[in-house]
N, C-alpha and C. Protein backbone atom coordinates (compact mmCIF):
# COMPACT_ATOMS: atom_id res chain seq x y z
N MET A 1 0.85 -1.19 0.00
CA MET A 1 0.00 0.00 0.00
C MET A 1 0.88 1.25 0.00
N PHE A 2 0.56 2.22 -0.82
CA PHE A 2 1.30 3.46 -0.82
C PHE A 2 1.01 4.24 0.46
N ASP A 3 1.97 5.03 0.89
CA ASP A 3 1.79 5.87 2.06
C ASP A 3 1.59 7.31 1.63
N ALA A 4 0.85 8.06 2.46
CA ALA A 4 0.75 9.51 2.24
C ALA A 4 2.08 10.14 2.62
N ILE A 5 2.45 11.17 1.89
CA ILE A 5 3.73 11.85 2.12
C ILE A 5 3.44 13.33 2.33
N ALA A 6 4.06 13.90 3.34
CA ALA A 6 3.86 15.33 3.60
C ALA A 6 4.59 16.16 2.57
N GLY A 7 3.89 17.17 2.02
CA GLY A 7 4.51 18.08 1.08
C GLY A 7 5.27 19.17 1.81
N THR A 8 5.76 20.12 1.06
CA THR A 8 6.54 21.21 1.66
C THR A 8 5.68 22.05 2.61
N ASP A 9 4.34 21.98 2.44
CA ASP A 9 3.44 22.71 3.35
C ASP A 9 3.04 21.88 4.56
N GLY A 10 3.58 20.65 4.66
CA GLY A 10 3.28 19.79 5.79
C GLY A 10 2.01 18.98 5.66
N VAL A 11 1.27 19.16 4.55
CA VAL A 11 0.01 18.44 4.35
C VAL A 11 0.30 17.08 3.72
N PRO A 12 -0.18 15.99 4.32
CA PRO A 12 0.04 14.67 3.73
C PRO A 12 -0.84 14.45 2.50
N ARG A 13 -0.21 13.99 1.44
CA ARG A 13 -0.91 13.77 0.18
C ARG A 13 -0.48 12.45 -0.45
N CYS A 14 -1.21 12.02 -1.47
CA CYS A 14 -0.80 10.87 -2.28
C CYS A 14 0.57 11.20 -2.90
N GLY A 15 1.50 10.25 -2.79
CA GLY A 15 2.86 10.53 -3.23
C GLY A 15 3.00 10.87 -4.69
N TRP A 16 2.06 10.39 -5.54
CA TRP A 16 2.20 10.60 -6.98
C TRP A 16 2.13 12.08 -7.37
N CYS A 17 1.51 12.91 -6.51
CA CYS A 17 1.29 14.29 -6.93
C CYS A 17 2.41 15.24 -6.50
N LEU A 18 3.33 14.75 -5.69
CA LEU A 18 4.35 15.64 -5.16
C LEU A 18 5.45 15.89 -6.19
N GLY A 19 6.05 17.06 -6.12
CA GLY A 19 7.15 17.38 -7.01
C GLY A 19 6.80 18.38 -8.09
N HIS A 20 5.49 18.56 -8.34
CA HIS A 20 5.06 19.52 -9.35
C HIS A 20 3.84 20.27 -8.81
N ASP A 21 3.89 21.59 -8.81
CA ASP A 21 2.77 22.38 -8.31
C ASP A 21 1.48 22.10 -9.09
N ASP A 22 1.60 21.86 -10.39
CA ASP A 22 0.42 21.57 -11.21
C ASP A 22 -0.28 20.30 -10.72
N TYR A 23 0.51 19.29 -10.42
CA TYR A 23 -0.04 18.04 -9.91
C TYR A 23 -0.71 18.25 -8.56
N VAL A 24 -0.06 19.00 -7.67
CA VAL A 24 -0.61 19.23 -6.33
C VAL A 24 -1.96 19.93 -6.42
N GLU A 25 -2.04 20.97 -7.25
CA GLU A 25 -3.30 21.70 -7.41
C GLU A 25 -4.39 20.78 -7.95
N TYR A 26 -4.04 19.99 -8.95
CA TYR A 26 -5.01 19.05 -9.54
C TYR A 26 -5.45 18.02 -8.50
N HIS A 27 -4.51 17.44 -7.78
CA HIS A 27 -4.81 16.46 -6.74
C HIS A 27 -5.73 17.04 -5.67
N ASP A 28 -5.42 18.26 -5.22
CA ASP A 28 -6.16 18.85 -4.11
C ASP A 28 -7.56 19.30 -4.49
N SER A 29 -7.74 19.76 -5.71
CA SER A 29 -9.01 20.40 -6.07
C SER A 29 -9.91 19.58 -6.97
N GLU A 30 -9.36 18.58 -7.66
CA GLU A 30 -10.17 17.85 -8.65
C GLU A 30 -10.16 16.34 -8.49
N TRP A 31 -8.98 15.77 -8.31
CA TRP A 31 -8.84 14.31 -8.42
C TRP A 31 -9.68 13.61 -7.35
N GLY A 32 -10.56 12.73 -7.79
CA GLY A 32 -11.39 11.98 -6.86
C GLY A 32 -12.68 12.66 -6.46
N MET A 33 -12.93 13.86 -6.97
CA MET A 33 -14.18 14.56 -6.66
C MET A 33 -15.24 14.16 -7.68
N PRO A 34 -16.43 13.77 -7.23
CA PRO A 34 -17.43 13.23 -8.16
C PRO A 34 -17.96 14.26 -9.14
N VAL A 35 -18.13 13.83 -10.38
CA VAL A 35 -18.55 14.71 -11.48
C VAL A 35 -19.77 14.09 -12.17
N ALA A 36 -20.77 14.93 -12.45
CA ALA A 36 -21.96 14.47 -13.15
C ALA A 36 -22.24 15.26 -14.42
N ASP A 37 -21.35 16.18 -14.76
CA ASP A 37 -21.54 17.04 -15.93
C ASP A 37 -21.02 16.34 -17.18
N ASP A 38 -21.89 16.15 -18.16
CA ASP A 38 -21.51 15.40 -19.36
C ASP A 38 -20.33 16.03 -20.09
N ARG A 39 -20.29 17.36 -20.16
CA ARG A 39 -19.19 18.00 -20.88
C ARG A 39 -17.86 17.72 -20.19
N ARG A 40 -17.83 17.85 -18.88
CA ARG A 40 -16.59 17.59 -18.15
C ARG A 40 -16.17 16.12 -18.27
N LEU A 41 -17.14 15.23 -18.24
CA LEU A 41 -16.82 13.81 -18.38
C LEU A 41 -16.27 13.52 -19.78
N PHE A 42 -16.86 14.13 -20.79
CA PHE A 42 -16.35 13.94 -22.15
C PHE A 42 -14.95 14.51 -22.29
N GLU A 43 -14.74 15.70 -21.74
CA GLU A 43 -13.40 16.29 -21.79
C GLU A 43 -12.37 15.35 -21.18
N LYS A 44 -12.67 14.83 -20.01
CA LYS A 44 -11.70 13.97 -19.33
C LYS A 44 -11.47 12.68 -20.12
N LEU A 45 -12.51 12.15 -20.72
CA LEU A 45 -12.34 10.95 -21.54
C LEU A 45 -11.40 11.24 -22.70
N CYS A 46 -11.56 12.39 -23.34
CA CYS A 46 -10.67 12.78 -24.43
C CYS A 46 -9.23 12.94 -23.94
N LEU A 47 -9.06 13.64 -22.83
CA LEU A 47 -7.71 13.90 -22.33
C LEU A 47 -7.04 12.61 -21.87
N GLU A 48 -7.79 11.69 -21.30
CA GLU A 48 -7.21 10.40 -20.94
C GLU A 48 -6.71 9.68 -22.19
N GLY A 49 -7.45 9.79 -23.28
CA GLY A 49 -7.00 9.19 -24.53
C GLY A 49 -5.73 9.84 -25.04
N PHE A 50 -5.65 11.17 -24.94
CA PHE A 50 -4.44 11.86 -25.37
C PHE A 50 -3.25 11.50 -24.48
N GLN A 51 -3.52 11.16 -23.22
CA GLN A 51 -2.43 10.81 -22.32
C GLN A 51 -1.75 9.50 -22.70
N SER A 52 -2.44 8.62 -23.39
CA SER A 52 -1.90 7.30 -23.72
C SER A 52 -0.47 7.42 -24.27
N GLY A 53 0.48 6.81 -23.56
CA GLY A 53 1.88 6.86 -23.96
C GLY A 53 2.62 8.09 -23.47
N LEU A 54 1.92 8.99 -22.77
CA LEU A 54 2.52 10.22 -22.26
C LEU A 54 2.24 10.32 -20.76
N SER A 55 2.80 11.35 -20.12
CA SER A 55 2.51 11.57 -18.71
C SER A 55 1.27 12.45 -18.58
N TRP A 56 0.54 12.29 -17.46
CA TRP A 56 -0.60 13.15 -17.22
C TRP A 56 -0.17 14.59 -17.05
N LEU A 57 1.03 14.82 -16.52
CA LEU A 57 1.53 16.18 -16.34
C LEU A 57 1.61 16.90 -17.69
N THR A 58 2.04 16.20 -18.72
CA THR A 58 2.11 16.79 -20.06
C THR A 58 0.73 17.26 -20.51
N ILE A 59 -0.27 16.41 -20.31
CA ILE A 59 -1.63 16.75 -20.73
C ILE A 59 -2.21 17.85 -19.85
N LEU A 60 -1.97 17.74 -18.56
CA LEU A 60 -2.50 18.74 -17.62
C LEU A 60 -2.01 20.14 -17.97
N ARG A 61 -0.74 20.24 -18.32
CA ARG A 61 -0.18 21.54 -18.66
C ARG A 61 -0.67 22.08 -20.00
N LYS A 62 -1.22 21.20 -20.83
CA LYS A 62 -1.78 21.61 -22.12
C LYS A 62 -3.31 21.69 -22.08
N ARG A 63 -3.90 21.49 -20.91
CA ARG A 63 -5.36 21.36 -20.84
C ARG A 63 -6.08 22.59 -21.38
N GLU A 64 -5.62 23.78 -21.01
CA GLU A 64 -6.29 24.98 -21.51
C GLU A 64 -6.16 25.11 -23.03
N ALA A 65 -5.02 24.69 -23.56
CA ALA A 65 -4.85 24.70 -25.02
C ALA A 65 -5.79 23.70 -25.68
N PHE A 66 -5.94 22.52 -25.07
CA PHE A 66 -6.90 21.54 -25.59
C PHE A 66 -8.32 22.12 -25.57
N ARG A 67 -8.67 22.81 -24.49
CA ARG A 67 -10.01 23.38 -24.40
C ARG A 67 -10.25 24.41 -25.50
N ARG A 68 -9.25 25.25 -25.76
CA ARG A 68 -9.39 26.22 -26.85
C ARG A 68 -9.50 25.52 -28.19
N ALA A 69 -8.68 24.50 -28.39
CA ALA A 69 -8.63 23.83 -29.69
C ALA A 69 -9.89 23.02 -29.97
N PHE A 70 -10.50 22.46 -28.91
CA PHE A 70 -11.66 21.57 -29.06
C PHE A 70 -12.96 22.23 -28.60
N SER A 71 -13.11 23.51 -28.86
CA SER A 71 -14.38 24.21 -28.62
C SER A 71 -14.89 24.02 -27.19
N GLY A 72 -13.97 24.04 -26.23
CA GLY A 72 -14.36 23.86 -24.84
C GLY A 72 -14.91 22.48 -24.54
N PHE A 73 -14.66 21.54 -25.45
CA PHE A 73 -15.17 20.18 -25.34
C PHE A 73 -16.69 20.13 -25.27
N GLU A 74 -17.33 21.10 -25.93
CA GLU A 74 -18.78 21.01 -26.11
C GLU A 74 -19.05 19.83 -27.03
N ILE A 75 -19.81 18.89 -26.56
CA ILE A 75 -19.95 17.61 -27.25
C ILE A 75 -20.51 17.79 -28.66
N SER A 76 -21.56 18.57 -28.79
CA SER A 76 -22.17 18.75 -30.12
C SER A 76 -21.23 19.45 -31.08
N ALA A 77 -20.43 20.38 -30.57
CA ALA A 77 -19.48 21.08 -31.44
C ALA A 77 -18.42 20.12 -31.95
N VAL A 78 -17.83 19.33 -31.06
CA VAL A 78 -16.78 18.40 -31.47
C VAL A 78 -17.35 17.33 -32.40
N ALA A 79 -18.58 16.89 -32.12
CA ALA A 79 -19.21 15.88 -32.99
C ALA A 79 -19.38 16.39 -34.41
N GLY A 80 -19.46 17.70 -34.57
CA GLY A 80 -19.64 18.29 -35.90
C GLY A 80 -18.35 18.55 -36.64
N TYR A 81 -17.20 18.24 -36.05
CA TYR A 81 -15.92 18.47 -36.72
C TYR A 81 -15.82 17.64 -37.99
N ARG A 82 -15.19 18.26 -38.99
CA ARG A 82 -14.98 17.61 -40.28
C ARG A 82 -13.49 17.48 -40.54
N ALA A 83 -13.15 17.02 -41.72
CA ALA A 83 -11.75 16.77 -42.07
C ALA A 83 -10.91 18.04 -41.93
N GLU A 84 -11.47 19.18 -42.28
CA GLU A 84 -10.70 20.43 -42.19
C GLU A 84 -10.42 20.79 -40.72
N ASP A 85 -11.32 20.41 -39.82
CA ASP A 85 -11.07 20.67 -38.40
C ASP A 85 -9.95 19.78 -37.88
N VAL A 86 -9.94 18.54 -38.32
CA VAL A 86 -8.85 17.62 -37.93
C VAL A 86 -7.53 18.16 -38.46
N ASP A 87 -7.52 18.62 -39.70
CA ASP A 87 -6.30 19.20 -40.27
C ASP A 87 -5.84 20.42 -39.47
N ARG A 88 -6.79 21.26 -39.06
CA ARG A 88 -6.46 22.43 -38.24
C ARG A 88 -5.80 22.00 -36.93
N LEU A 89 -6.36 20.99 -36.28
CA LEU A 89 -5.82 20.51 -35.01
C LEU A 89 -4.44 19.90 -35.18
N LEU A 90 -4.22 19.25 -36.30
CA LEU A 90 -2.91 18.65 -36.56
C LEU A 90 -1.82 19.70 -36.77
N GLN A 91 -2.23 20.93 -37.03
CA GLN A 91 -1.27 22.03 -37.21
C GLN A 91 -1.09 22.86 -35.94
N ASP A 92 -1.79 22.48 -34.87
CA ASP A 92 -1.77 23.28 -33.63
C ASP A 92 -0.67 22.77 -32.70
N PRO A 93 0.44 23.50 -32.54
CA PRO A 93 1.55 23.03 -31.72
C PRO A 93 1.28 23.08 -30.22
N SER A 94 0.17 23.67 -29.81
CA SER A 94 -0.11 23.80 -28.38
C SER A 94 -0.76 22.54 -27.79
N ILE A 95 -1.16 21.60 -28.67
CA ILE A 95 -1.77 20.35 -28.20
C ILE A 95 -0.91 19.17 -28.66
N VAL A 96 -1.35 17.97 -28.33
CA VAL A 96 -0.69 16.76 -28.82
C VAL A 96 -1.25 16.47 -30.22
N ARG A 97 -0.38 16.53 -31.21
CA ARG A 97 -0.83 16.38 -32.60
C ARG A 97 -0.70 14.92 -33.03
N HIS A 98 -1.74 14.18 -32.77
CA HIS A 98 -1.78 12.75 -33.07
C HIS A 98 -3.11 12.48 -33.77
N ARG A 99 -3.04 12.14 -35.05
CA ARG A 99 -4.27 12.02 -35.84
C ARG A 99 -5.25 11.01 -35.24
N GLY A 100 -4.74 9.87 -34.80
CA GLY A 100 -5.62 8.85 -34.25
C GLY A 100 -6.36 9.33 -33.01
N LYS A 101 -5.68 10.07 -32.15
CA LYS A 101 -6.30 10.56 -30.92
C LYS A 101 -7.28 11.69 -31.22
N ILE A 102 -6.94 12.54 -32.17
CA ILE A 102 -7.86 13.61 -32.57
C ILE A 102 -9.11 13.01 -33.20
N ASP A 103 -8.94 12.07 -34.11
CA ASP A 103 -10.08 11.38 -34.72
C ASP A 103 -10.94 10.72 -33.66
N ALA A 104 -10.29 10.11 -32.66
CA ALA A 104 -11.03 9.43 -31.60
C ALA A 104 -11.92 10.41 -30.83
N CYS A 105 -11.42 11.61 -30.55
CA CYS A 105 -12.24 12.60 -29.85
C CYS A 105 -13.48 12.96 -30.64
N VAL A 106 -13.31 13.16 -31.93
CA VAL A 106 -14.45 13.52 -32.79
C VAL A 106 -15.45 12.37 -32.83
N LYS A 107 -14.95 11.16 -33.07
CA LYS A 107 -15.85 10.00 -33.15
C LYS A 107 -16.50 9.71 -31.80
N ASN A 108 -15.74 9.88 -30.72
CA ASN A 108 -16.31 9.64 -29.39
C ASN A 108 -17.40 10.64 -29.05
N ALA A 109 -17.25 11.89 -29.53
CA ALA A 109 -18.32 12.87 -29.32
C ALA A 109 -19.61 12.40 -29.98
N ARG A 110 -19.49 11.85 -31.16
CA ARG A 110 -20.68 11.34 -31.85
C ARG A 110 -21.27 10.14 -31.11
N ARG A 111 -20.40 9.31 -30.56
CA ARG A 111 -20.88 8.16 -29.78
C ARG A 111 -21.56 8.61 -28.50
N VAL A 112 -21.05 9.69 -27.88
CA VAL A 112 -21.68 10.22 -26.66
C VAL A 112 -23.10 10.69 -26.98
N ILE A 113 -23.28 11.35 -28.09
CA ILE A 113 -24.62 11.81 -28.48
C ILE A 113 -25.55 10.62 -28.67
N GLU A 114 -25.07 9.59 -29.33
CA GLU A 114 -25.88 8.37 -29.52
C GLU A 114 -26.22 7.73 -28.18
N LEU A 115 -25.21 7.63 -27.32
CA LEU A 115 -25.39 7.00 -26.02
C LEU A 115 -26.38 7.80 -25.17
N THR A 116 -26.27 9.13 -25.22
CA THR A 116 -27.17 9.99 -24.45
C THR A 116 -28.61 9.82 -24.91
N ALA A 117 -28.80 9.69 -26.20
CA ALA A 117 -30.15 9.49 -26.72
C ALA A 117 -30.75 8.18 -26.23
N ALA A 118 -29.89 7.19 -26.05
CA ALA A 118 -30.36 5.87 -25.62
C ALA A 118 -30.46 5.73 -24.11
N GLU A 119 -29.57 6.43 -23.38
CA GLU A 119 -29.43 6.18 -21.94
C GLU A 119 -29.86 7.34 -21.05
N GLY A 120 -30.15 8.50 -21.62
CA GLY A 120 -30.57 9.64 -20.82
C GLY A 120 -29.49 10.68 -20.62
N SER A 121 -28.30 10.25 -20.26
CA SER A 121 -27.15 11.14 -20.15
C SER A 121 -25.89 10.30 -20.13
N PHE A 122 -24.78 10.91 -20.51
CA PHE A 122 -23.49 10.23 -20.45
C PHE A 122 -23.16 9.90 -18.99
N ALA A 123 -23.46 10.85 -18.10
CA ALA A 123 -23.15 10.66 -16.69
C ALA A 123 -23.90 9.48 -16.09
N SER A 124 -25.18 9.38 -16.37
CA SER A 124 -25.95 8.28 -15.77
C SER A 124 -25.43 6.93 -16.26
N PHE A 125 -25.02 6.87 -17.52
CA PHE A 125 -24.44 5.63 -18.04
C PHE A 125 -23.14 5.30 -17.32
N LEU A 126 -22.25 6.27 -17.19
CA LEU A 126 -20.94 6.02 -16.59
C LEU A 126 -21.05 5.62 -15.13
N TRP A 127 -21.93 6.28 -14.37
CA TRP A 127 -22.01 6.01 -12.94
C TRP A 127 -22.61 4.64 -12.63
N ARG A 128 -23.18 3.98 -13.60
CA ARG A 128 -23.62 2.60 -13.39
C ARG A 128 -22.42 1.67 -13.17
N TYR A 129 -21.24 2.13 -13.55
CA TYR A 129 -20.03 1.31 -13.44
C TYR A 129 -19.17 1.72 -12.24
N GLU A 130 -19.74 2.44 -11.30
CA GLU A 130 -18.98 2.85 -10.12
C GLU A 130 -18.33 1.63 -9.46
N PRO A 131 -17.01 1.64 -9.30
CA PRO A 131 -16.34 0.45 -8.77
C PRO A 131 -16.60 0.24 -7.28
N ALA A 132 -16.53 -1.01 -6.88
CA ALA A 132 -16.53 -1.32 -5.46
C ALA A 132 -15.25 -0.77 -4.85
N PRO A 133 -15.27 -0.38 -3.57
CA PRO A 133 -14.05 0.15 -2.94
C PRO A 133 -12.91 -0.86 -3.04
N GLY A 134 -11.70 -0.34 -3.26
CA GLY A 134 -10.53 -1.19 -3.35
C GLY A 134 -9.30 -0.44 -2.88
N ASP A 135 -8.15 -1.08 -2.99
CA ASP A 135 -6.94 -0.41 -2.53
C ASP A 135 -6.41 0.52 -3.62
N ALA A 136 -5.55 1.44 -3.21
CA ALA A 136 -5.08 2.47 -4.12
C ALA A 136 -3.91 2.02 -4.98
N GLU A 137 -3.51 0.75 -4.89
CA GLU A 137 -2.40 0.27 -5.70
C GLU A 137 -2.87 -0.28 -7.04
N ARG A 138 -4.17 -0.52 -7.17
CA ARG A 138 -4.65 -1.15 -8.40
C ARG A 138 -4.65 -0.17 -9.55
N THR A 139 -4.55 -0.71 -10.74
CA THR A 139 -4.57 0.12 -11.93
C THR A 139 -5.84 -0.10 -12.75
N THR A 140 -6.66 -1.05 -12.31
CA THR A 140 -7.95 -1.25 -12.96
C THR A 140 -8.86 -1.96 -11.98
N ALA A 141 -10.08 -2.22 -12.39
CA ALA A 141 -11.07 -2.89 -11.57
C ALA A 141 -12.02 -3.62 -12.51
N PRO A 142 -12.74 -4.63 -12.02
CA PRO A 142 -13.68 -5.33 -12.91
C PRO A 142 -14.67 -4.38 -13.58
N GLU A 143 -15.11 -3.36 -12.85
CA GLU A 143 -16.06 -2.41 -13.43
C GLU A 143 -15.42 -1.60 -14.55
N ALA A 144 -14.13 -1.29 -14.42
CA ALA A 144 -13.43 -0.56 -15.49
C ALA A 144 -13.28 -1.43 -16.73
N ILE A 145 -13.01 -2.70 -16.52
CA ILE A 145 -12.93 -3.64 -17.65
C ILE A 145 -14.28 -3.72 -18.35
N ALA A 146 -15.35 -3.80 -17.55
CA ALA A 146 -16.69 -3.87 -18.13
C ALA A 146 -17.04 -2.58 -18.86
N LEU A 147 -16.70 -1.44 -18.27
CA LEU A 147 -16.98 -0.15 -18.92
C LEU A 147 -16.22 -0.02 -20.23
N ALA A 148 -14.94 -0.35 -20.21
CA ALA A 148 -14.13 -0.26 -21.43
C ALA A 148 -14.71 -1.16 -22.52
N GLY A 149 -15.13 -2.36 -22.13
CA GLY A 149 -15.71 -3.28 -23.11
C GLY A 149 -17.00 -2.75 -23.71
N GLU A 150 -17.84 -2.16 -22.87
CA GLU A 150 -19.10 -1.63 -23.37
C GLU A 150 -18.89 -0.40 -24.24
N LEU A 151 -17.97 0.47 -23.85
CA LEU A 151 -17.66 1.62 -24.69
C LEU A 151 -17.10 1.18 -26.04
N LYS A 152 -16.23 0.20 -26.03
CA LYS A 152 -15.69 -0.33 -27.29
C LYS A 152 -16.81 -0.90 -28.15
N ARG A 153 -17.72 -1.64 -27.51
CA ARG A 153 -18.84 -2.23 -28.25
C ARG A 153 -19.68 -1.15 -28.92
N ARG A 154 -19.78 0.01 -28.28
CA ARG A 154 -20.56 1.11 -28.80
C ARG A 154 -19.77 1.99 -29.77
N GLY A 155 -18.51 1.63 -30.04
CA GLY A 155 -17.74 2.34 -31.05
C GLY A 155 -16.76 3.37 -30.54
N PHE A 156 -16.57 3.46 -29.21
CA PHE A 156 -15.61 4.42 -28.66
C PHE A 156 -14.18 3.93 -28.92
N LYS A 157 -13.26 4.89 -29.02
CA LYS A 157 -11.85 4.59 -29.28
C LYS A 157 -10.97 5.12 -28.15
N PHE A 158 -9.80 4.53 -28.00
CA PHE A 158 -8.79 4.93 -27.01
C PHE A 158 -9.33 4.89 -25.58
N VAL A 159 -10.11 3.86 -25.28
CA VAL A 159 -10.63 3.69 -23.92
C VAL A 159 -10.47 2.23 -23.51
N GLY A 160 -9.25 1.85 -23.12
CA GLY A 160 -9.02 0.52 -22.59
C GLY A 160 -9.28 0.49 -21.09
N PRO A 161 -9.16 -0.70 -20.47
CA PRO A 161 -9.45 -0.82 -19.03
C PRO A 161 -8.60 0.07 -18.13
N THR A 162 -7.30 0.22 -18.43
CA THR A 162 -6.46 1.08 -17.59
C THR A 162 -6.87 2.54 -17.72
N THR A 163 -7.15 2.97 -18.96
CA THR A 163 -7.63 4.33 -19.18
C THR A 163 -8.97 4.54 -18.51
N ALA A 164 -9.86 3.55 -18.61
CA ALA A 164 -11.18 3.66 -17.99
C ALA A 164 -11.05 3.81 -16.48
N TYR A 165 -10.11 3.07 -15.88
CA TYR A 165 -9.98 3.17 -14.43
C TYR A 165 -9.35 4.50 -14.02
N ALA A 166 -8.37 4.98 -14.76
CA ALA A 166 -7.80 6.30 -14.47
C ALA A 166 -8.89 7.37 -14.56
N PHE A 167 -9.78 7.23 -15.53
CA PHE A 167 -10.93 8.13 -15.67
C PHE A 167 -11.82 8.06 -14.44
N MET A 168 -12.10 6.84 -13.96
CA MET A 168 -12.94 6.67 -12.78
C MET A 168 -12.31 7.31 -11.55
N GLN A 169 -11.00 7.15 -11.40
CA GLN A 169 -10.31 7.76 -10.26
C GLN A 169 -10.41 9.28 -10.31
N SER A 170 -10.18 9.85 -11.47
CA SER A 170 -10.13 11.31 -11.57
C SER A 170 -11.51 11.94 -11.46
N MET A 171 -12.55 11.27 -11.94
CA MET A 171 -13.89 11.82 -11.94
C MET A 171 -14.71 11.43 -10.72
N GLY A 172 -14.05 10.81 -9.73
CA GLY A 172 -14.70 10.54 -8.45
C GLY A 172 -15.56 9.31 -8.40
N LEU A 173 -15.57 8.50 -9.45
CA LEU A 173 -16.29 7.23 -9.36
C LEU A 173 -15.60 6.29 -8.38
N ALA A 174 -14.31 6.51 -8.18
CA ALA A 174 -13.53 5.80 -7.17
C ALA A 174 -12.79 6.83 -6.32
N ASN A 175 -12.64 6.53 -5.03
CA ASN A 175 -11.83 7.39 -4.16
C ASN A 175 -10.55 6.64 -3.86
N ASP A 176 -9.51 6.91 -4.63
CA ASP A 176 -8.24 6.21 -4.46
C ASP A 176 -7.16 7.09 -3.85
N HIS A 177 -7.56 8.17 -3.16
CA HIS A 177 -6.60 8.85 -2.29
C HIS A 177 -6.16 7.83 -1.25
N VAL A 178 -4.87 7.75 -1.00
CA VAL A 178 -4.35 6.75 -0.07
C VAL A 178 -4.75 7.07 1.36
N ASP A 179 -4.75 6.04 2.21
CA ASP A 179 -4.99 6.26 3.62
C ASP A 179 -3.95 7.25 4.16
N GLY A 180 -4.41 8.20 4.92
CA GLY A 180 -3.51 9.22 5.47
C GLY A 180 -3.43 10.47 4.64
N CYS A 181 -3.88 10.41 3.38
CA CYS A 181 -3.92 11.62 2.54
C CYS A 181 -5.00 12.54 3.10
N ALA A 182 -4.68 13.80 3.26
CA ALA A 182 -5.63 14.76 3.81
C ALA A 182 -6.86 14.92 2.94
N PHE A 183 -6.77 14.52 1.67
CA PHE A 183 -7.88 14.72 0.75
C PHE A 183 -8.74 13.47 0.56
N ARG A 184 -8.35 12.36 1.18
CA ARG A 184 -9.21 11.18 1.12
C ARG A 184 -10.56 11.44 1.79
N PRO A 185 -10.59 11.98 3.02
CA PRO A 185 -11.91 12.26 3.61
C PRO A 185 -12.68 13.36 2.89
N VAL A 186 -11.97 14.30 2.26
CA VAL A 186 -12.65 15.33 1.48
C VAL A 186 -13.41 14.69 0.32
N SER A 187 -12.73 13.80 -0.38
CA SER A 187 -13.36 13.09 -1.50
C SER A 187 -14.50 12.21 -1.00
N GLU A 188 -14.29 11.55 0.12
CA GLU A 188 -15.32 10.65 0.64
C GLU A 188 -16.58 11.41 1.04
N ARG A 189 -16.40 12.58 1.65
CA ARG A 189 -17.57 13.40 2.01
C ARG A 189 -18.31 13.87 0.76
N ALA A 190 -17.54 14.26 -0.27
CA ALA A 190 -18.17 14.69 -1.52
C ALA A 190 -18.94 13.55 -2.16
N ARG A 191 -18.35 12.36 -2.13
CA ARG A 191 -19.03 11.20 -2.71
C ARG A 191 -20.27 10.83 -1.91
N ALA A 192 -20.19 10.96 -0.59
CA ALA A 192 -21.32 10.61 0.27
C ALA A 192 -22.52 11.54 0.01
N GLY A 193 -22.23 12.78 -0.29
CA GLY A 193 -23.29 13.75 -0.54
C GLY A 193 -23.68 13.90 -2.00
N PHE A 194 -23.09 13.11 -2.85
CA PHE A 194 -23.28 13.22 -4.29
C PHE A 194 -24.49 12.42 -4.74
N ALA A 195 -25.39 13.06 -5.47
CA ALA A 195 -26.55 12.36 -6.02
C ALA A 195 -26.15 11.70 -7.34
N ARG A 196 -26.06 10.38 -7.33
CA ARG A 196 -25.68 9.67 -8.56
C ARG A 196 -26.71 9.95 -9.64
N PRO A 197 -26.25 10.36 -10.82
CA PRO A 197 -27.20 10.67 -11.91
C PRO A 197 -27.91 9.41 -12.39
N THR A 198 -29.21 9.54 -12.60
CA THR A 198 -30.00 8.39 -13.05
C THR A 198 -30.67 8.62 -14.39
N SER A 199 -30.51 9.82 -14.94
CA SER A 199 -31.11 10.07 -16.26
C SER A 199 -30.36 11.20 -16.96
């Protein structure tokens, strides 16, 4: 089991976030906090796909550039992107210029619209896969494997089980702040008071 480590401010945190102020801010204010907003969930799904093969710090530092480039990750806007939009993004040095990942974001936006029409909302669909509590050393869970499989079946790209579980951790479907981290109880209180979306 990982241990919480005190930062320069004396606050114990998950060890993975120490060493970079960007990571600390993200860990303290976002990671593990439950999210029910479809746009934010779509954004994170896209960014997790862009992270594949890279560090999250790289993506985190480019997040505002990604938001500018991808119309604020408004699902309907991204779903309407055409070949010229993909070409524009491939010329944008402020983001990760990877055709497969850019194409995946556009196609996944279209899949989100289809899924929302069938299921009520992207959030309600995703929260059906909320994992059972587990230890913070795992990199996936049975629910993440099931979610990745169902997303793949529905035509989503760049969403394997490890990516799906990282998504669950960051969007609060799982609270994987380690024992002793000052933000584990913060996340747990937020999750306890969170109304799981049902439509």
